[in-house]
Amino acid sequence: MCAPATDALFVDLDGTLVFTDVFAEGLLSAVRLHPRRFVHLLTQLPQGYAACKRTLAEFWKPDFDHLPLNAEIIALIQEYRSLGRPVILATATDRIWAEQIAGVCPL
């Protein structure tokens, strides 16, 4: 059986829409600016990677105005949008960040 066709564009966040990894940037920022919270973040490791991402997302906010966006991907998104096609942000990034990034990018 074939998968159903879609005219949607699925865009990955880290390394595609944004040239960097938002979680990695958050970790580096936490080490520098919030060392106590970083230690708390480490206590979340036994609960899994998603718990660490959520804990970090609750206290650190990326600089959305200066995200290194991929201009080619932005152009592709705009092309799909102009054709009335849906654009879906597909990411393992925490929902807090994904929704904020989707709010500042032309998705």
PDB file of N, CA and C in Angstrom:
ATOM      1  N   MET A   1       0.844  -1.177   0.000  1.00  0.00           N
ATOM      2  CA  MET A   1       0.000   0.000   0.000  1.00  0.00           C
ATOM      3  C   MET A   1       0.892   1.243   0.000  1.00  0.00           C
ATOM      4  N   CYS A   2       0.570   2.184  -0.806  1.00  0.00           N
ATOM      5  CA  CYS A   2       1.343   3.424  -0.904  1.00  0.00           C
ATOM      6  C   CYS A   2       0.863   4.429   0.129  1.00  0.00           C
ATOM      7  N   ALA A   3       1.807   5.254   0.571  1.00  0.00           N
ATOM      8  CA  ALA A   3       1.449   6.337   1.486  1.00  0.00           C
ATOM      9  C   ALA A   3       0.658   7.387   0.714  1.00  0.00           C
ATOM     10  N   PRO A   4      -0.307   8.013   1.388  1.00  0.00           N
ATOM     11  CA  PRO A   4      -1.077   9.051   0.694  1.00  0.00           C
ATOM     12  C   PRO A   4      -0.194  10.236   0.316  1.00  0.00           C
ATOM     13  N   ALA A   5      -0.457  10.806  -0.833  1.00  0.00           N
ATOM     14  CA  ALA A   5       0.300  11.974  -1.291  1.00  0.00           C
ATOM     15  C   ALA A   5      -0.145  13.209  -0.509  1.00  0.00           C
ATOM     16  N   THR A   6       0.768  14.118  -0.307  1.00  0.00           N
ATOM     17  CA  THR A   6       0.442  15.366   0.367  1.00  0.00           C
ATOM     18  C   THR A   6       1.126  16.509  -0.372  1.00  0.00           C
ATOM     19  N   ASP A   7       0.515  17.645  -0.304  1.00  0.00           N
ATOM     20  CA  ASP A   7       1.141  18.813  -0.911  1.00  0.00           C
ATOM     21  C   ASP A   7       1.754  19.703   0.162  1.00  0.00           C
ATOM     22  N   ALA A   8       1.845  19.189   1.361  1.00  0.00           N
ATOM     23  CA  ALA A   8       2.415  19.944   2.480  1.00  0.00           C
ATOM     24  C   ALA A   8       3.936  19.910   2.435  1.00  0.00           C
ATOM     25  N   LEU A   9       4.531  20.949   2.981  1.00  0.00           N
ATOM     26  CA  LEU A   9       5.981  21.012   3.146  1.00  0.00           C
ATOM     27  C   LEU A   9       6.282  20.796   4.618  1.00  0.00           C
ATOM     28  N   PHE A  10       7.061  19.786   4.917  1.00  0.00           N
ATOM     29  CA  PHE A  10       7.488  19.522   6.283  1.00  0.00           C
ATOM     30  C   PHE A  10       8.894  20.061   6.439  1.00  0.00           C
ATOM     31  N   VAL A  11       9.094  20.922   7.439  1.00  0.00           N
ATOM     32  CA  VAL A  11      10.382  21.584   7.642  1.00  0.00           C
ATOM     33  C   VAL A  11      10.931  21.203   9.004  1.00  0.00           C
ATOM     34  N   ASP A  12      12.143  20.678   9.015  1.00  0.00           N
ATOM     35  CA  ASP A  12      12.844  20.381  10.261  1.00  0.00           C
ATOM     36  C   ASP A  12      13.405  21.690  10.812  1.00  0.00           C
ATOM     37  N   LEU A  13      13.458  21.802  12.119  1.00  0.00           N
ATOM     38  CA  LEU A  13      13.937  23.036  12.741  1.00  0.00           C
ATOM     39  C   LEU A  13      15.462  23.078  12.807  1.00  0.00           C
ATOM     40  N   ASP A  14      16.044  22.266  13.679  1.00  0.00           N
ATOM     41  CA  ASP A  14      17.483  22.308  13.940  1.00  0.00           C
ATOM     42  C   ASP A  14      18.289  21.789  12.756  1.00  0.00           C
ATOM     43  N   GLY A  15      19.174  22.641  12.247  1.00  0.00           N
ATOM     44  CA  GLY A  15      20.032  22.255  11.137  1.00  0.00           C
ATOM     45  C   GLY A  15      19.394  22.425   9.772  1.00  0.00           C
ATOM     46  N   THR A  16      18.131  22.805   9.719  1.00  0.00           N
ATOM     47  CA  THR A  16      17.461  23.015   8.439  1.00  0.00           C
ATOM     48  C   THR A  16      16.903  24.432   8.370  1.00  0.00           C
ATOM     49  N   LEU A  17      15.829  24.697   9.103  1.00  0.00           N
ATOM     50  CA  LEU A  17      15.293  26.061   9.142  1.00  0.00           C
ATOM     51  C   LEU A  17      16.267  26.999   9.855  1.00  0.00           C
ATOM     52  N   VAL A  18      16.828  26.500  10.939  1.00  0.00           N
ATOM     53  CA  VAL A  18      17.833  27.239  11.715  1.00  0.00           C
ATOM     54  C   VAL A  18      19.158  26.508  11.530  1.00  0.00           C
ATOM     55  N   PHE A  19      20.217  27.228  11.253  1.00  0.00           N
ATOM     56  CA  PHE A  19      21.516  26.598  10.984  1.00  0.00           C
ATOM     57  C   PHE A  19      22.147  25.954  12.213  1.00  0.00           C
ATOM     58  N   THR A  20      21.601  26.183  13.366  1.00  0.00           N
ATOM     59  CA  THR A  20      22.187  25.678  14.596  1.00  0.00           C
ATOM     60  C   THR A  20      21.220  24.723  15.282  1.00  0.00           C
ATOM     61  N   ASP A  21      21.580  24.269  16.468  1.00  0.00           N
ATOM     62  CA  ASP A  21      20.730  23.417  17.287  1.00  0.00           C
ATOM     63  C   ASP A  21      20.297  24.239  18.501  1.00  0.00           C
ATOM     64  N   VAL A  22      19.013  24.495  18.614  1.00  0.00           N
ATOM     65  CA  VAL A  22      18.495  25.365  19.670  1.00  0.00           C
ATOM     66  C   VAL A  22      18.789  24.786  21.052  1.00  0.00           C
ATOM     67  N   PHE A  23      18.664  23.487  21.225  1.00  0.00           N
ATOM     68  CA  PHE A  23      18.933  22.864  22.521  1.00  0.00           C
ATOM     69  C   PHE A  23      20.405  23.022  22.899  1.00  0.00           C
ATOM     70  N   ALA A  24      21.311  22.812  21.947  1.00  0.00           N
ATOM     71  CA  ALA A  24      22.746  22.966  22.228  1.00  0.00           C
ATOM     72  C   ALA A  24      23.064  24.403  22.628  1.00  0.00           C
ATOM     73  N   GLU A  25      22.476  25.366  21.930  1.00  0.00           N
ATOM     74  CA  GLU A  25      22.683  26.763  22.303  1.00  0.00           C
ATOM     75  C   GLU A  25      22.165  27.035  23.708  1.00  0.00           C
ATOM     76  N   GLY A  26      21.029  26.453  24.033  1.00  0.00           N
ATOM     77  CA  GLY A  26      20.458  26.617  25.369  1.00  0.00           C
ATOM     78  C   GLY A  26      21.344  26.034  26.442  1.00  0.00           C
ATOM     79  N   LEU A  27      21.920  24.866  26.173  1.00  0.00           N
ATOM     80  CA  LEU A  27      22.831  24.254  27.145  1.00  0.00           C
ATOM     81  C   LEU A  27      24.047  25.140  27.396  1.00  0.00           C
ATOM     82  N   LEU A  28      24.633  25.649  26.321  1.00  0.00           N
ATOM     83  CA  LEU A  28      25.802  26.521  26.470  1.00  0.00           C
ATOM     84  C   LEU A  28      25.444  27.788  27.249  1.00  0.00           C
ATOM     85  N   SER A  29      24.299  28.342  26.961  1.00  0.00           N
ATOM     86  CA  SER A  29      23.849  29.530  27.668  1.00  0.00           C
ATOM     87  C   SER A  29      23.602  29.219  29.139  1.00  0.00           C
ATOM     88  N   ALA A  30      22.999  28.076  29.416  1.00  0.00           N
ATOM     89  CA  ALA A  30      22.715  27.697  30.800  1.00  0.00           C
ATOM     90  C   ALA A  30      24.000  27.531  31.598  1.00  0.00           C
ATOM     91  N   VAL A  31      24.999  26.926  31.004  1.00  0.00           N
ATOM     92  CA  VAL A  31      26.289  26.750  31.692  1.00  0.00           C
ATOM     93  C   VAL A  31      26.887  28.109  32.051  1.00  0.00           C
ATOM     94  N   ARG A  32      26.839  29.046  31.101  1.00  0.00           N
ATOM     95  CA  ARG A  32      27.423  30.376  31.316  1.00  0.00           C
ATOM     96  C   ARG A  32      26.589  31.260  32.230  1.00  0.00           C
ATOM     97  N   LEU A  33      25.292  31.309  31.978  1.00  0.00           N
ATOM     98  CA  LEU A  33      24.450  32.311  32.628  1.00  0.00           C
ATOM     99  C   LEU A  33      23.628  31.786  33.804  1.00  0.00           C
ATOM    100  N   HIS A  34      23.361  30.497  33.823  1.00  0.00           N
ATOM    101  CA  HIS A  34      22.506  29.912  34.859  1.00  0.00           C
ATOM    102  C   HIS A  34      23.102  28.610  35.394  1.00  0.00           C
ATOM    103  N   PRO A  35      24.292  28.660  35.992  1.00  0.00           N
ATOM    104  CA  PRO A  35      24.946  27.410  36.397  1.00  0.00           C
ATOM    105  C   PRO A  35      24.122  26.568  37.375  1.00  0.00           C
ATOM    106  N   ARG A  36      23.408  27.189  38.278  1.00  0.00           N
ATOM    107  CA  ARG A  36      22.576  26.405  39.219  1.00  0.00           C
ATOM    108  C   ARG A  36      21.438  25.703  38.494  1.00  0.00           C
ATOM    109  N   ARG A  37      20.842  26.405  37.568  1.00  0.00           N
ATOM    110  CA  ARG A  37      19.762  25.787  36.798  1.00  0.00           C
ATOM    111  C   ARG A  37      20.304  24.681  35.898  1.00  0.00           C
ATOM    112  N   PHE A  38      21.530  24.864  35.425  1.00  0.00           N
ATOM    113  CA  PHE A  38      22.150  23.819  34.616  1.00  0.00           C
ATOM    114  C   PHE A  38      22.328  22.549  35.448  1.00  0.00           C
ATOM    115  N   VAL A  39      22.748  22.696  36.681  1.00  0.00           N
ATOM    116  CA  VAL A  39      22.897  21.541  37.564  1.00  0.00           C
ATOM    117  C   VAL A  39      21.538  20.866  37.758  1.00  0.00           C
ATOM    118  N   HIS A  40      20.490  21.685  37.960  1.00  0.00           N
ATOM    119  CA  HIS A  40      19.138  21.124  38.078  1.00  0.00           C
ATOM    120  C   HIS A  40      18.747  20.382  36.799  1.00  0.00           C
ATOM    121  N   LEU A  41      19.129  20.935  35.682  1.00  0.00           N
ATOM    122  CA  LEU A  41      18.844  20.308  34.397  1.00  0.00           C
ATOM    123  C   LEU A  41      19.452  18.909  34.337  1.00  0.00           C
ATOM    124  N   LEU A  42      20.653  18.775  34.859  1.00  0.00           N
ATOM    125  CA  LEU A  42      21.321  17.467  34.865  1.00  0.00           C
ATOM    126  C   LEU A  42      20.545  16.431  35.674  1.00  0.00           C
ATOM    127  N   THR A  43      19.837  16.895  36.704  1.00  0.00           N
ATOM    128  CA  THR A  43      19.048  15.953  37.511  1.00  0.00           C
ATOM    129  C   THR A  43      17.858  15.402  36.727  1.00  0.00           C
ATOM    130  N   GLN A  44      17.532  16.029  35.615  1.00  0.00           N
ATOM    131  CA  GLN A  44      16.416  15.573  34.781  1.00  0.00           C
ATOM    132  C   GLN A  44      16.820  14.446  33.830  1.00  0.00           C
ATOM    133  N   LEU A  45      18.121  14.197  33.695  1.00  0.00           N
ATOM    134  CA  LEU A  45      18.597  13.184  32.748  1.00  0.00           C
ATOM    135  C   LEU A  45      17.952  11.807  32.935  1.00  0.00           C
ATOM    136  N   PRO A  46      17.792  11.328  34.176  1.00  0.00           N
ATOM    137  CA  PRO A  46      17.147  10.014  34.324  1.00  0.00           C
ATOM    138  C   PRO A  46      15.712   9.974  33.788  1.00  0.00           C
ATOM    139  N   GLN A  47      15.071  11.123  33.673  1.00  0.00           N
ATOM    140  CA  GLN A  47      13.697  11.173  33.162  1.00  0.00           C
ATOM    141  C   GLN A  47      13.656  11.220  31.635  1.00  0.00           C
ATOM    142  N   GLY A  48      14.820  11.378  31.014  1.00  0.00           N
ATOM    143  CA  GLY A  48      14.882  11.356  29.557  1.00  0.00           C
ATOM    144  C   GLY A  48      15.233  12.707  28.953  1.00  0.00           C
ATOM    145  N   TYR A  49      15.571  12.621  27.679  1.00  0.00           N
ATOM    146  CA  TYR A  49      16.010  13.785  26.915  1.00  0.00           C
ATOM    147  C   TYR A  49      14.907  14.842  26.829  1.00  0.00           C
ATOM    148  N   ALA A  50      13.672  14.405  26.636  1.00  0.00           N
ATOM    149  CA  ALA A  50      12.551  15.350  26.517  1.00  0.00           C
ATOM    150  C   ALA A  50      12.360  16.141  27.811  1.00  0.00           C
ATOM    151  N   ALA A  51      12.558  15.502  28.951  1.00  0.00           N
ATOM    152  CA  ALA A  51      12.431  16.207  30.236  1.00  0.00           C
ATOM    153  C   ALA A  51      13.509  17.277  30.368  1.00  0.00           C
ATOM    154  N   CYS A  52      14.715  16.973  29.888  1.00  0.00           N
ATOM    155  CA  CYS A  52      15.797  17.967  29.907  1.00  0.00           C
ATOM    156  C   CYS A  52      15.453  19.150  29.009  1.00  0.00           C
ATOM    157  N   LYS A  53      14.939  18.851  27.828  1.00  0.00           N
ATOM    158  CA  LYS A  53      14.569  19.923  26.905  1.00  0.00           C
ATOM    159  C   LYS A  53      13.478  20.800  27.504  1.00  0.00           C
ATOM    160  N   ARG A  54      12.483  20.184  28.141  1.00  0.00           N
ATOM    161  CA  ARG A  54      11.397  20.954  28.734  1.00  0.00           C
ATOM    162  C   ARG A  54      11.920  21.830  29.874  1.00  0.00           C
ATOM    163  N   THR A  55      12.752  21.269  30.747  1.00  0.00           N
ATOM    164  CA  THR A  55      13.305  22.039  31.857  1.00  0.00           C
ATOM    165  C   THR A  55      14.071  23.243  31.350  1.00  0.00           C
ATOM    166  N   LEU A  56      14.900  23.041  30.337  1.00  0.00           N
ATOM    167  CA  LEU A  56      15.669  24.142  29.767  1.00  0.00           C
ATOM    168  C   LEU A  56      14.743  25.175  29.111  1.00  0.00           C
ATOM    169  N   ALA A  57      13.747  24.710  28.390  1.00  0.00           N
ATOM    170  CA  ALA A  57      12.821  25.620  27.708  1.00  0.00           C
ATOM    171  C   ALA A  57      12.023  26.470  28.698  1.00  0.00           C
ATOM    172  N   GLU A  58      11.848  25.972  29.897  1.00  0.00           N
ATOM    173  CA  GLU A  58      11.084  26.719  30.897  1.00  0.00           C
ATOM    174  C   GLU A  58      11.855  27.901  31.474  1.00  0.00           C
ATOM    175  N   PHE A  59      13.189  27.891  31.357  1.00  0.00           N
ATOM    176  CA  PHE A  59      13.926  29.022  31.935  1.00  0.00           C
ATOM    177  C   PHE A  59      14.834  29.759  30.954  1.00  0.00           C
ATOM    178  N   TRP A  60      15.032  29.214  29.761  1.00  0.00           N
ATOM    179  CA  TRP A  60      15.894  29.900  28.792  1.00  0.00           C
ATOM    180  C   TRP A  60      15.121  30.131  27.504  1.00  0.00           C
ATOM    181  N   LYS A  61      15.195  31.343  26.992  1.00  0.00           N
ATOM    182  CA  LYS A  61      14.516  31.705  25.755  1.00  0.00           C
ATOM    183  C   LYS A  61      15.562  32.093  24.711  1.00  0.00           C
ATOM    184  N   PRO A  62      15.552  31.430  23.566  1.00  0.00           N
ATOM    185  CA  PRO A  62      16.487  31.805  22.496  1.00  0.00           C
ATOM    186  C   PRO A  62      16.240  33.245  22.041  1.00  0.00           C
ATOM    187  N   ASP A  63      17.252  33.840  21.478  1.00  0.00           N
ATOM    188  CA  ASP A  63      17.124  35.184  20.917  1.00  0.00           C
ATOM    189  C   ASP A  63      16.503  35.028  19.525  1.00  0.00           C
ATOM    190  N   PHE A  64      15.190  35.045  19.495  1.00  0.00           N
ATOM    191  CA  PHE A  64      14.474  34.761  18.259  1.00  0.00           C
ATOM    192  C   PHE A  64      14.750  35.777  17.154  1.00  0.00           C
ATOM    193  N   ASP A  65      15.098  36.994  17.535  1.00  0.00           N
ATOM    194  CA  ASP A  65      15.385  38.017  16.521  1.00  0.00           C
ATOM    195  C   ASP A  65      16.708  37.779  15.811  1.00  0.00           C
ATOM    196  N   HIS A  66      17.568  36.944  16.391  1.00  0.00           N
ATOM    197  CA  HIS A  66      18.889  36.720  15.806  1.00  0.00           C
ATOM    198  C   HIS A  66      19.156  35.247  15.486  1.00  0.00           C
ATOM    199  N   LEU A  67      18.096  34.475  15.284  1.00  0.00           N
ATOM    200  CA  LEU A  67      18.291  33.087  14.901  1.00  0.00           C
ATOM    201  C   LEU A  67      18.945  33.033  13.515  1.00  0.00           C
ATOM    202  N   PRO A  68      19.931  32.162  13.347  1.00  0.00           N
ATOM    203  CA  PRO A  68      20.563  32.040  12.026  1.00  0.00           C
ATOM    204  C   PRO A  68      19.674  31.213  11.085  1.00  0.00           C
ATOM    205  N   LEU A  69      18.701  31.893  10.477  1.00  0.00           N
ATOM    206  CA  LEU A  69      17.740  31.221   9.603  1.00  0.00           C
ATOM    207  C   LEU A  69      18.345  30.929   8.237  1.00  0.00           C
ATOM    208  N   ASN A  70      17.917  29.843   7.649  1.00  0.00           N
ATOM    209  CA  ASN A  70      18.360  29.430   6.321  1.00  0.00           C
ATOM    210  C   ASN A  70      17.480  30.137   5.287  1.00  0.00           C
ATOM    211  N   ALA A  71      18.042  31.081   4.562  1.00  0.00           N
ATOM    212  CA  ALA A  71      17.289  31.883   3.594  1.00  0.00           C
ATOM    213  C   ALA A  71      16.666  31.018   2.495  1.00  0.00           C
ATOM    214  N   GLU A  72      17.322  29.948   2.080  1.00  0.00           N
ATOM    215  CA  GLU A  72      16.775  29.071   1.047  1.00  0.00           C
ATOM    216  C   GLU A  72      15.511  28.374   1.535  1.00  0.00           C
ATOM    217  N   ILE A  73      15.530  27.961   2.795  1.00  0.00           N
ATOM    218  CA  ILE A  73      14.351  27.293   3.370  1.00  0.00           C
ATOM    219  C   ILE A  73      13.220  28.300   3.550  1.00  0.00           C
ATOM    220  N   ILE A  74      13.557  29.510   3.988  1.00  0.00           N
ATOM    221  CA  ILE A  74      12.544  30.567   4.124  1.00  0.00           C
ATOM    222  C   ILE A  74      11.888  30.826   2.767  1.00  0.00           C
ATOM    223  N   ALA A  75      12.682  30.897   1.700  1.00  0.00           N
ATOM    224  CA  ALA A  75      12.138  31.118   0.352  1.00  0.00           C
ATOM    225  C   ALA A  75      11.220  29.966  -0.062  1.00  0.00           C
ATOM    226  N   LEU A  76      11.615  28.747   0.258  1.00  0.00           N
ATOM    227  CA  LEU A  76      10.792  27.583  -0.069  1.00  0.00           C
ATOM    228  C   LEU A  76       9.465  27.637   0.692  1.00  0.00           C
ATOM    229  N   ILE A  77       9.534  28.007   1.960  1.00  0.00           N
ATOM    230  CA  ILE A  77       8.316  28.144   2.771  1.00  0.00           C
ATOM    231  C   ILE A  77       7.392  29.192   2.152  1.00  0.00           C
ATOM    232  N   GLN A  78       7.966  30.316   1.778  1.00  0.00           N
ATOM    233  CA  GLN A  78       7.162  31.387   1.177  1.00  0.00           C
ATOM    234  C   GLN A  78       6.540  30.938  -0.141  1.00  0.00           C
ATOM    235  N   GLU A  79       7.278  30.156  -0.917  1.00  0.00           N
ATOM    236  CA  GLU A  79       6.752  29.632  -2.176  1.00  0.00           C
ATOM    237  C   GLU A  79       5.552  28.724  -1.921  1.00  0.00           C
ATOM    238  N   TYR A  80       5.684  27.806  -0.972  1.00  0.00           N
ATOM    239  CA  TYR A  80       4.579  26.907  -0.641  1.00  0.00           C
ATOM    240  C   TYR A  80       3.373  27.686  -0.134  1.00  0.00           C
ATOM    241  N   ARG A  81       3.630  28.661   0.719  1.00  0.00           N
ATOM    242  CA  ARG A  81       2.539  29.487   1.259  1.00  0.00           C
ATOM    243  C   ARG A  81       1.819  30.241   0.139  1.00  0.00           C
ATOM    244  N   SER A  82       2.571  30.776  -0.822  1.00  0.00           N
ATOM    245  CA  SER A  82       1.959  31.536  -1.917  1.00  0.00           C
ATOM    246  C   SER A  82       1.069  30.647  -2.786  1.00  0.00           C
ATOM    247  N   LEU A  83       1.347  29.340  -2.773  1.00  0.00           N
ATOM    248  CA  LEU A  83       0.532  28.386  -3.528  1.00  0.00           C
ATOM    249  C   LEU A  83      -0.631  27.852  -2.689  1.00  0.00           C
ATOM    250  N   GLY A  84      -0.727  28.345  -1.443  1.00  0.00           N
ATOM    251  CA  GLY A  84      -1.800  27.902  -0.560  1.00  0.00           C
ATOM    252  C   GLY A  84      -1.567  26.537   0.053  1.00  0.00           C
ATOM    253  N   ARG A  85      -0.338  26.084   0.021  1.00  0.00           N
ATOM    254  CA  ARG A  85      -0.010  24.768   0.578  1.00  0.00           C
ATOM    255  C   ARG A  85       0.381  24.892   2.044  1.00  0.00           C
ATOM    256  N   PRO A  86       0.065  23.884   2.850  1.00  0.00           N
ATOM    257  CA  PRO A  86       0.422  23.943   4.270  1.00  0.00           C
ATOM    258  C   PRO A  86       1.911  23.724   4.491  1.00  0.00           C
ATOM    259  N   VAL A  87       2.425  24.373   5.536  1.00  0.00           N
ATOM    260  CA  VAL A  87       3.813  24.206   5.956  1.00  0.00           C
ATOM    261  C   VAL A  87       3.783  23.729   7.404  1.00  0.00           C
ATOM    262  N   ILE A  88       4.462  22.628   7.659  1.00  0.00           N
ATOM    263  CA  ILE A  88       4.463  22.019   8.990  1.00  0.00           C
ATOM    264  C   ILE A  88       5.876  22.011   9.542  1.00  0.00           C
ATOM    265  N   LEU A  89       6.033  22.555  10.739  1.00  0.00           N
ATOM    266  CA  LEU A  89       7.322  22.523  11.421  1.00  0.00           C
ATOM    267  C   LEU A  89       7.427  21.192  12.151  1.00  0.00           C
ATOM    268  N   ALA A  90       8.362  20.362  11.732  1.00  0.00           N
ATOM    269  CA  ALA A  90       8.568  19.043  12.316  1.00  0.00           C
ATOM    270  C   ALA A  90       9.865  19.081  13.110  1.00  0.00           C
ATOM    271  N   THR A  91       9.772  18.872  14.415  1.00  0.00           N
ATOM    272  CA  THR A  91      10.955  19.024  15.240  1.00  0.00           C
ATOM    273  C   THR A  91      10.868  18.206  16.516  1.00  0.00           C
ATOM    274  N   ALA A  92      12.024  17.862  17.039  1.00  0.00           N
ATOM    275  CA  ALA A  92      12.102  17.233  18.355  1.00  0.00           C
ATOM    276  C   ALA A  92      12.393  18.285  19.424  1.00  0.00           C
ATOM    277  N   THR A  93      12.497  19.538  18.999  1.00  0.00           N
ATOM    278  CA  THR A  93      12.688  20.638  19.943  1.00  0.00           C
ATOM    279  C   THR A  93      11.452  20.744  20.820  1.00  0.00           C
ATOM    280  N   ASP A  94      11.640  21.196  22.054  1.00  0.00           N
ATOM    281  CA  ASP A  94      10.504  21.331  22.953  1.00  0.00           C
ATOM    282  C   ASP A  94       9.432  22.228  22.344  1.00  0.00           C
ATOM    283  N   ARG A  95       8.194  21.898  22.610  1.00  0.00           N
ATOM    284  CA  ARG A  95       7.049  22.626  22.052  1.00  0.00           C
ATOM    285  C   ARG A  95       7.087  24.116  22.388  1.00  0.00           C
ATOM    286  N   ILE A  96       7.571  24.476  23.570  1.00  0.00           N
ATOM    287  CA  ILE A  96       7.659  25.882  23.963  1.00  0.00           C
ATOM    288  C   ILE A  96       8.464  26.656  22.929  1.00  0.00           C
ATOM    289  N   TRP A  97       9.652  26.156  22.598  1.00  0.00           N
ATOM    290  CA  TRP A  97      10.504  26.836  21.618  1.00  0.00           C
ATOM    291  C   TRP A  97       9.921  26.729  20.216  1.00  0.00           C
ATOM    292  N   ALA A  98       9.414  25.556  19.850  1.00  0.00           N
ATOM    293  CA  ALA A  98       8.896  25.360  18.493  1.00  0.00           C
ATOM    294  C   ALA A  98       7.768  26.345  18.204  1.00  0.00           C
ATOM    295  N   GLU A  99       6.869  26.514  19.135  1.00  0.00           N
ATOM    296  CA  GLU A  99       5.759  27.450  18.920  1.00  0.00           C
ATOM    297  C   GLU A  99       6.243  28.889  18.854  1.00  0.00           C
ATOM    298  N   GLN A 100       7.225  29.227  19.676  1.00  0.00           N
ATOM    299  CA  GLN A 100       7.766  30.594  19.644  1.00  0.00           C
ATOM    300  C   GLN A 100       8.497  30.846  18.333  1.00  0.00           C
ATOM    301  N   ILE A 101       9.270  29.883  17.878  1.00  0.00           N
ATOM    302  CA  ILE A 101       9.997  30.042  16.610  1.00  0.00           C
ATOM    303  C   ILE A 101       9.020  30.098  15.451  1.00  0.00           C
ATOM    304  N   ALA A 102       8.009  29.256  15.473  1.00  0.00           N
ATOM    305  CA  ALA A 102       6.989  29.291  14.413  1.00  0.00           C
ATOM    306  C   ALA A 102       6.288  30.653  14.394  1.00  0.00           C
ATOM    307  N   GLY A 103       6.182  31.296  15.541  1.00  0.00           N
ATOM    308  CA  GLY A 103       5.542  32.608  15.610  1.00  0.00           C
ATOM    309  C   GLY A 103       6.358  33.727  15.003  1.00  0.00           C
ATOM    310  N   VAL A 104       7.677  33.566  14.947  1.00  0.00           N
ATOM    311  CA  VAL A 104       8.538  34.629  14.391  1.00  0.00           C
ATOM    312  C   VAL A 104       9.021  34.296  12.982  1.00  0.00           C
ATOM    313  N   CYS A 105       8.790  33.074  12.537  1.00  0.00           N
ATOM    314  CA  CYS A 105       9.190  32.675  11.185  1.00  0.00           C
ATOM    315  C   CYS A 105       7.944  32.589  10.310  1.00  0.00           C
ATOM    316  N   PRO A 106       8.129  32.727   9.030  1.00  0.00           N
ATOM    317  CA  PRO A 106       6.977  32.710   8.122  1.00  0.00           C
ATOM    318  C   PRO A 106       6.488  31.293   7.836  1.00  0.00           C
ATOM    319  N   LEU A 107       6.023  30.601   8.859  1.00  0.00           N
ATOM    320  CA  LEU A 107       5.536  29.228   8.658  1.00  0.00           C
ATOM    321  C   LEU A 107       4.051  29.211   8.389  1.00  0.00           C
TER     322      LEU A 107
END
